[in-house]
Amino acid sequence: MRKRYVISIFITSILSAFLLTSPVSNSSESIPLRSIGVTVPDLGNPFFVTLVDAVTAKANEVSIEPVEIIVRSDAYDLERQIEQLEFFIEQKVDLILFTAADEHKVAPIVAKAQRAGIRVIAVDVNAQGADATITTDNVNAGYIACEHLAQQMNFAGNFVIINGVLVSSVLERVAGCKSAINRYPDIVLLSDRLNGTGSIQGGMEAMTYLMEEYNQIDGVFAINDPTAQGAIQAAQHAGRSEFLVASVDGAPFAIKAIQQENSLWTATSKQLPRLMAERAVEIGKDLLDGKEVEQRFILITPQLSTKDSFNTLNKDSQQW
């Protein structure tokens, strides 16, 4: 009996020593960052160009080896975006960063990517089921742009909104704008449903229609800078200059245009795409490393850029 007891102690000692010296399997084991799939709506929009450039720079900063960045543009086409996300899954990327073409309908493909071990980060637009979301506080962006525009209109006059694709960022900007102008009973909202597609061409077409429809327009809110640029070009072609324009993005070309003498463009709510991209990569890398990420929804505060604020905002224009 004593012999069995001694053998039992010996075996227990051996097992204890083995457990102390052997690596323990951990479900949160770090996964190297080797490749990222990125899909955004429009690579002709400087905002998304900056976003992609910043993703590339930050990824290679946080990784010990070069990171392959696979970039696609989906033009807010859900089917095309799903095909692109399927391709990323087939390529076995480690991380997906994307601007959802549809906040809710992307949920199944997001879940499929996650089942394949891929972390999914939503940028600029909400995406159901994403591991994390980083976006501008778009309600505030719309609010401060339209509050400034209302002031420039002396809180009275005819107002139009050139809308865009119905994604969360656009819906929130329009909601923020309306909450600003609704405070002033002498501002009349004539139109808010035209889709300028977030592009220069779309902005031109929408503004052309609005000018044909309404003889007097005093304020125009465009959901992004390319739309605003198109609206202003349409006004110039039509010889109309009675209204002022405000927008969202804060692109360098917009800030430059605002500084021009007698510019119709009075303000743009400046987003921070570089910061957005950097935070997305950092969170994605933390998730791959098995770290606990407490904040999964991040709102970045916009800054209003006007002619008066040019001197301070221009200092960090290269960081846009």
Protein backbone atom coordinates (compact mmCIF):
# COMPACT_ATOMS: atom_id res chain seq x y z
CA MET A 1 0.00 0.00 0.00
CA ARG A 2 2.83 2.34 0.90
CA LYS A 3 4.52 1.53 -2.41
CA ARG A 4 1.40 2.64 -4.38
CA TYR A 5 1.24 5.85 -2.34
CA VAL A 6 4.86 6.72 -3.14
CA ILE A 7 4.30 6.04 -6.86
CA SER A 8 1.18 8.25 -6.82
CA ILE A 9 3.13 11.14 -5.27
CA PHE A 10 5.89 10.69 -7.85
CA ILE A 11 3.46 10.83 -10.79
CA THR A 12 1.68 13.86 -9.34
CA SER A 13 5.03 15.66 -8.97
CA ILE A 14 5.98 14.91 -12.58
CA LEU A 15 2.63 16.20 -13.89
CA SER A 16 2.90 19.38 -11.81
CA ALA A 17 6.39 20.06 -13.12
CA PHE A 18 5.18 19.51 -16.70
CA LEU A 19 2.28 21.91 -16.32
CA LEU A 20 4.53 24.57 -14.81
CA THR A 21 7.12 24.41 -17.57
CA SER A 22 4.90 23.77 -20.61
CA PRO A 23 3.12 26.55 -22.58
CA VAL A 24 -0.60 26.73 -21.87
CA SER A 25 -2.98 26.81 -24.85
CA ASN A 26 -4.88 30.09 -24.91
CA SER A 27 -7.82 30.96 -27.16
CA SER A 28 -6.60 34.56 -27.13
CA GLU A 29 -3.25 33.67 -28.68
CA SER A 30 -1.82 36.53 -30.77
CA ILE A 31 -2.37 36.32 -34.54
CA PRO A 32 0.18 38.13 -36.74
CA LEU A 33 -1.18 40.96 -38.89
CA ARG A 34 -0.15 40.04 -42.42
CA SER A 35 -3.04 41.21 -44.61
CA ILE A 36 -5.99 43.61 -44.51
CA GLY A 37 -8.96 43.79 -46.85
CA VAL A 38 -10.36 47.30 -47.30
CA THR A 39 -13.53 48.19 -49.20
CA VAL A 40 -14.81 51.78 -49.42
CA PRO A 41 -17.44 53.43 -51.61
CA ASP A 42 -15.44 55.81 -53.76
CA LEU A 43 -11.70 56.00 -54.36
CA GLY A 44 -12.29 59.23 -56.25
CA ASN A 45 -13.30 60.89 -52.97
CA PRO A 46 -10.27 62.36 -51.16
CA PHE A 47 -11.75 61.31 -47.81
CA PHE A 48 -11.52 57.62 -48.69
CA VAL A 49 -8.13 58.03 -50.38
CA THR A 50 -6.79 59.49 -47.12
CA LEU A 51 -8.48 56.71 -45.15
CA VAL A 52 -6.81 53.97 -47.22
CA ASP A 53 -3.41 55.67 -47.13
CA ALA A 54 -3.63 55.95 -43.35
CA VAL A 55 -4.63 52.29 -42.99
CA THR A 56 -1.57 51.28 -45.00
CA ALA A 57 0.80 53.46 -42.99
CA LYS A 58 -0.57 52.43 -39.59
CA ALA A 59 -0.68 48.72 -40.43
CA ASN A 60 2.98 48.69 -41.36
CA GLU A 61 3.78 50.64 -38.22
CA VAL A 62 2.16 48.15 -35.82
CA SER A 63 3.23 44.96 -37.61
CA ILE A 64 6.68 43.38 -37.42
CA GLU A 65 6.40 42.29 -41.05
CA PRO A 66 5.07 44.04 -44.20
CA VAL A 67 1.27 44.02 -44.40
CA GLU A 68 -0.54 43.34 -47.67
CA ILE A 69 -3.39 45.82 -48.16
CA ILE A 70 -6.09 44.68 -50.62
CA VAL A 71 -8.26 47.66 -51.59
CA ARG A 72 -11.59 47.63 -53.38
CA SER A 73 -14.26 50.24 -54.20
CA ASP A 74 -17.95 49.26 -54.18
CA ALA A 75 -19.79 52.49 -55.15
CA TYR A 76 -22.31 51.81 -52.35
CA ASP A 77 -23.41 48.71 -54.30
CA LEU A 78 -24.30 46.05 -51.70
CA GLU A 79 -23.92 43.08 -54.05
CA ARG A 80 -20.53 44.28 -55.22
CA GLN A 81 -19.42 44.82 -51.62
CA ILE A 82 -20.53 41.34 -50.61
CA GLU A 83 -18.51 39.90 -53.51
CA GLN A 84 -15.49 41.87 -52.34
CA LEU A 85 -15.89 40.67 -48.75
CA GLU A 86 -16.24 37.08 -50.02
CA PHE A 87 -12.95 37.57 -51.86
CA PHE A 88 -11.27 38.81 -48.68
CA ILE A 89 -12.50 35.70 -46.87
CA GLU A 90 -11.15 33.45 -49.65
CA GLN A 91 -7.80 35.24 -49.42
CA LYS A 92 -7.80 34.56 -45.66
CA VAL A 93 -7.00 38.13 -44.70
CA ASP A 94 -6.46 38.76 -41.00
CA LEU A 95 -8.51 41.94 -40.79
CA ILE A 96 -11.29 43.62 -42.76
CA LEU A 97 -11.92 47.37 -42.62
CA PHE A 98 -14.96 48.54 -44.53
CA THR A 99 -17.58 51.23 -45.04
CA ALA A 100 -20.86 49.32 -45.16
CA ALA A 101 -23.06 49.75 -48.21
CA ASP A 102 -26.01 48.74 -46.04
CA GLU A 103 -25.77 48.81 -42.25
CA HIS A 104 -28.07 45.82 -41.71
CA LYS A 105 -27.78 43.67 -44.85
CA VAL A 106 -24.04 43.21 -44.41
CA ALA A 107 -24.62 41.29 -41.16
CA PRO A 108 -24.52 37.75 -42.70
CA ILE A 109 -21.24 38.32 -44.56
CA VAL A 110 -19.73 39.97 -41.48
CA ALA A 111 -20.65 36.88 -39.46
CA LYS A 112 -19.15 34.62 -42.14
CA ALA A 113 -15.86 36.51 -42.00
CA GLN A 114 -15.80 36.24 -38.22
CA ARG A 115 -16.43 32.49 -38.37
CA ALA A 116 -13.36 32.30 -40.59
CA GLY A 117 -11.34 33.97 -37.83
CA ILE A 118 -11.23 37.40 -39.45
CA ARG A 119 -11.75 40.51 -37.36
CA VAL A 120 -14.12 43.05 -38.94
CA ILE A 121 -13.97 46.79 -38.22
CA ALA A 122 -16.57 49.25 -39.56
CA VAL A 123 -15.32 52.73 -40.48
CA ASP A 124 -17.33 55.86 -41.32
CA VAL A 125 -20.64 53.92 -41.40
CA ASN A 126 -22.24 51.59 -38.85
CA ALA A 127 -22.28 47.86 -39.67
CA GLN A 128 -24.36 45.33 -37.77
CA GLY A 129 -22.25 42.64 -36.12
CA ALA A 130 -18.87 44.29 -36.67
CA ASP A 131 -16.26 43.75 -33.95
CA ALA A 132 -15.90 47.52 -33.62
CA THR A 133 -17.07 50.73 -35.28
CA ILE A 134 -15.14 53.99 -35.68
CA THR A 135 -17.03 56.91 -37.17
CA THR A 136 -17.41 60.67 -37.01
CA ASP A 137 -20.08 62.05 -34.71
CA ASN A 138 -22.16 62.71 -37.82
CA VAL A 139 -25.17 64.16 -36.03
CA ASN A 140 -22.89 66.82 -34.57
CA ALA A 141 -21.20 67.33 -37.96
CA GLY A 142 -24.53 68.11 -39.60
CA TYR A 143 -25.65 70.24 -36.70
CA ILE A 144 -22.64 72.56 -36.51
CA ALA A 145 -22.51 73.02 -40.30
CA CYS A 146 -26.18 74.00 -40.50
CA GLU A 147 -26.08 76.11 -37.35
CA HIS A 148 -23.30 78.16 -38.96
CA LEU A 149 -25.23 78.33 -42.23
CA ALA A 150 -28.32 79.53 -40.37
CA GLN A 151 -26.29 82.30 -38.77
CA GLN A 152 -24.94 83.37 -42.16
CA MET A 153 -28.56 83.48 -43.43
CA ASN A 154 -29.56 85.69 -40.49
CA PHE A 155 -31.84 82.85 -39.38
CA ALA A 156 -34.31 83.31 -42.24
CA GLY A 157 -34.77 82.16 -45.84
CA ASN A 158 -35.29 79.17 -48.12
CA PHE A 159 -33.18 76.11 -47.33
CA VAL A 160 -32.41 72.91 -49.27
CA ILE A 161 -30.53 69.75 -48.35
CA ILE A 162 -28.74 67.70 -50.98
CA ASN A 163 -29.00 64.24 -49.48
CA GLY A 164 -27.01 61.10 -50.34
CA VAL A 165 -26.96 57.32 -50.19
CA LEU A 166 -29.05 56.13 -47.24
CA VAL A 167 -26.28 54.91 -44.96
CA SER A 168 -25.95 55.79 -41.27
CA SER A 169 -23.42 58.59 -41.72
CA VAL A 170 -25.60 60.43 -44.25
CA LEU A 171 -28.84 59.89 -42.32
CA GLU A 172 -27.20 61.24 -39.17
CA ARG A 173 -25.76 64.32 -40.89
CA VAL A 174 -29.15 65.21 -42.31
CA ALA A 175 -30.81 64.63 -38.92
CA GLY A 176 -28.24 66.89 -37.26
CA CYS A 177 -28.76 69.59 -39.88
CA LYS A 178 -32.52 69.51 -39.46
CA SER A 179 -32.24 69.72 -35.68
CA ALA A 180 -30.27 72.95 -36.16
CA ILE A 181 -32.51 74.71 -38.67
CA ASN A 182 -35.74 73.55 -37.02
CA ARG A 183 -34.93 75.93 -34.18
CA TYR A 184 -35.57 78.88 -36.49
CA PRO A 185 -39.17 79.26 -37.72
CA ASP A 186 -38.18 81.75 -40.43
CA ILE A 187 -36.02 79.15 -42.20
CA VAL A 188 -38.16 77.19 -44.68
CA LEU A 189 -36.93 73.74 -45.72
CA LEU A 190 -37.90 73.39 -49.39
CA SER A 191 -36.30 70.04 -50.22
CA ASP A 192 -34.34 67.31 -48.41
CA ARG A 193 -34.75 64.15 -50.49
CA LEU A 194 -32.61 64.56 -53.59
CA ASN A 195 -29.76 62.06 -53.70
CA GLY A 196 -26.54 63.73 -54.79
CA THR A 197 -24.76 60.32 -54.57
CA GLY A 198 -21.92 61.87 -52.56
CA SER A 199 -20.20 62.91 -55.79
CA ILE A 200 -19.39 66.07 -57.76
CA GLN A 201 -21.55 64.96 -60.68
CA GLY A 202 -24.43 64.06 -58.39
CA GLY A 203 -24.15 67.40 -56.62
CA MET A 204 -24.28 69.23 -59.95
CA GLU A 205 -27.35 67.34 -61.09
CA ALA A 206 -29.21 67.79 -57.80
CA MET A 207 -28.41 71.51 -57.60
CA THR A 208 -29.41 72.05 -61.23
CA TYR A 209 -32.81 70.53 -60.51
CA LEU A 210 -33.25 72.58 -57.33
CA MET A 211 -32.41 75.84 -59.10
CA GLU A 212 -34.94 75.04 -61.83
CA GLU A 213 -37.54 74.22 -59.19
CA TYR A 214 -36.99 77.20 -56.87
CA ASN A 215 -36.40 80.83 -57.85
CA GLN A 216 -34.94 81.76 -54.49
CA ILE A 217 -32.62 79.57 -52.40
CA ASP A 218 -30.72 81.04 -49.46
CA GLY A 219 -28.95 78.06 -47.89
CA VAL A 220 -27.72 74.68 -49.14
CA PHE A 221 -26.47 71.83 -46.98
CA ALA A 222 -24.57 69.12 -48.87
CA ILE A 223 -23.83 65.83 -47.10
CA ASN A 224 -20.16 65.87 -48.17
CA ASP A 225 -17.58 68.10 -49.83
CA PRO A 226 -17.72 66.57 -53.35
CA THR A 227 -21.50 67.11 -53.38
CA ALA A 228 -20.98 70.73 -52.31
CA GLN A 229 -18.36 71.26 -54.99
CA GLY A 230 -20.77 69.95 -57.62
CA ALA A 231 -23.55 72.21 -56.32
CA ILE A 232 -21.33 75.26 -56.54
CA GLN A 233 -20.22 74.38 -60.06
CA ALA A 234 -23.89 74.08 -61.08
CA ALA A 235 -24.59 77.50 -59.56
CA GLN A 236 -21.69 79.04 -61.45
CA HIS A 237 -22.93 77.56 -64.74
CA ALA A 238 -26.42 78.91 -64.07
CA GLY A 239 -25.23 82.34 -62.97
CA ARG A 240 -26.83 81.92 -59.53
CA SER A 241 -25.10 83.29 -56.46
CA GLU A 242 -27.83 84.17 -53.97
CA PHE A 243 -27.19 81.23 -51.63
CA LEU A 244 -24.48 79.92 -49.30
CA VAL A 245 -23.33 76.31 -48.98
CA ALA A 246 -22.15 74.21 -46.03
CA SER A 247 -21.05 70.58 -46.02
CA VAL A 248 -19.23 67.79 -44.18
CA ASP A 249 -15.70 66.39 -44.69
CA GLY A 250 -13.17 69.17 -44.28
CA ALA A 251 -11.15 68.11 -47.32
CA PRO A 252 -8.20 70.37 -48.15
CA PHE A 253 -9.83 71.42 -51.45
CA ALA A 254 -12.96 72.49 -49.57
CA ILE A 255 -11.04 74.50 -46.98
CA LYS A 256 -9.14 76.20 -49.80
CA ALA A 257 -12.39 77.05 -51.62
CA ILE A 258 -13.91 78.52 -48.45
CA GLN A 259 -11.02 81.00 -48.28
CA GLN A 260 -11.70 82.38 -51.75
CA GLU A 261 -13.11 85.89 -51.91
CA ASN A 262 -16.90 85.94 -52.37
CA SER A 263 -17.04 82.14 -52.10
CA LEU A 264 -20.50 80.59 -51.82
CA TRP A 265 -18.95 77.88 -49.67
CA THR A 266 -19.15 79.11 -46.08
CA ALA A 267 -18.28 76.08 -43.93
CA THR A 268 -17.43 72.39 -43.78
CA SER A 269 -17.50 70.12 -40.74
CA LYS A 270 -14.06 68.59 -40.73
CA GLN A 271 -13.83 64.83 -40.31
CA LEU A 272 -10.56 63.14 -39.33
CA PRO A 273 -10.15 60.15 -41.67
CA ARG A 274 -6.50 59.61 -40.74
CA LEU A 275 -7.34 59.32 -37.05
CA MET A 276 -10.32 57.10 -37.90
CA ALA A 277 -8.13 54.72 -39.88
CA GLU A 278 -5.41 54.61 -37.24
CA ARG A 279 -7.87 53.76 -34.47
CA ALA A 280 -9.44 51.06 -36.66
CA VAL A 281 -6.08 49.39 -37.26
CA GLU A 282 -5.08 49.69 -33.60
CA ILE A 283 -8.31 48.07 -32.41
CA GLY A 284 -8.07 45.37 -35.06
CA LYS A 285 -4.50 44.57 -34.01
CA ASP A 286 -5.51 44.47 -30.33
CA LEU A 287 -8.28 42.01 -31.15
CA LEU A 288 -5.89 39.84 -33.13
CA ASP A 289 -3.51 39.92 -30.17
CA GLY A 290 -6.29 38.66 -27.92
CA LYS A 291 -6.46 41.86 -25.91
CA GLU A 292 -9.66 43.04 -24.28
CA VAL A 293 -11.08 46.04 -26.16
CA GLU A 294 -13.51 47.81 -23.87
CA GLN A 295 -14.66 50.54 -26.25
CA ARG A 296 -16.11 49.00 -29.40
CA PHE A 297 -17.99 52.08 -30.67
CA ILE A 298 -15.94 55.24 -31.13
CA LEU A 299 -17.30 58.63 -32.19
CA ILE A 300 -14.74 61.16 -33.40
CA THR A 301 -15.69 64.79 -32.80
CA PRO A 302 -15.78 66.93 -35.98
CA GLN A 303 -14.32 70.44 -36.24
CA LEU A 304 -16.06 73.27 -38.06
CA SER A 305 -13.88 74.93 -40.68
CA THR A 306 -14.90 78.42 -41.78
CA LYS A 307 -13.10 81.42 -43.20
CA ASP A 308 -12.65 82.71 -39.64
CA SER A 309 -11.26 79.41 -38.31
CA PHE A 310 -8.84 78.93 -41.20
CA ASN A 311 -5.68 79.99 -39.35
CA THR A 312 -6.07 77.40 -36.58
CA LEU A 313 -7.48 74.54 -38.62
CA ASN A 314 -4.98 74.96 -41.44
CA LYS A 315 -2.14 74.04 -39.09
CA ASP A 316 -3.22 70.40 -39.05
CA SER A 317 -4.66 70.23 -42.57
CA GLN A 318 -1.93 67.76 -43.51
CA GLN A 319 -3.26 65.45 -40.80
CA TRP A 320 -6.64 65.24 -42.50
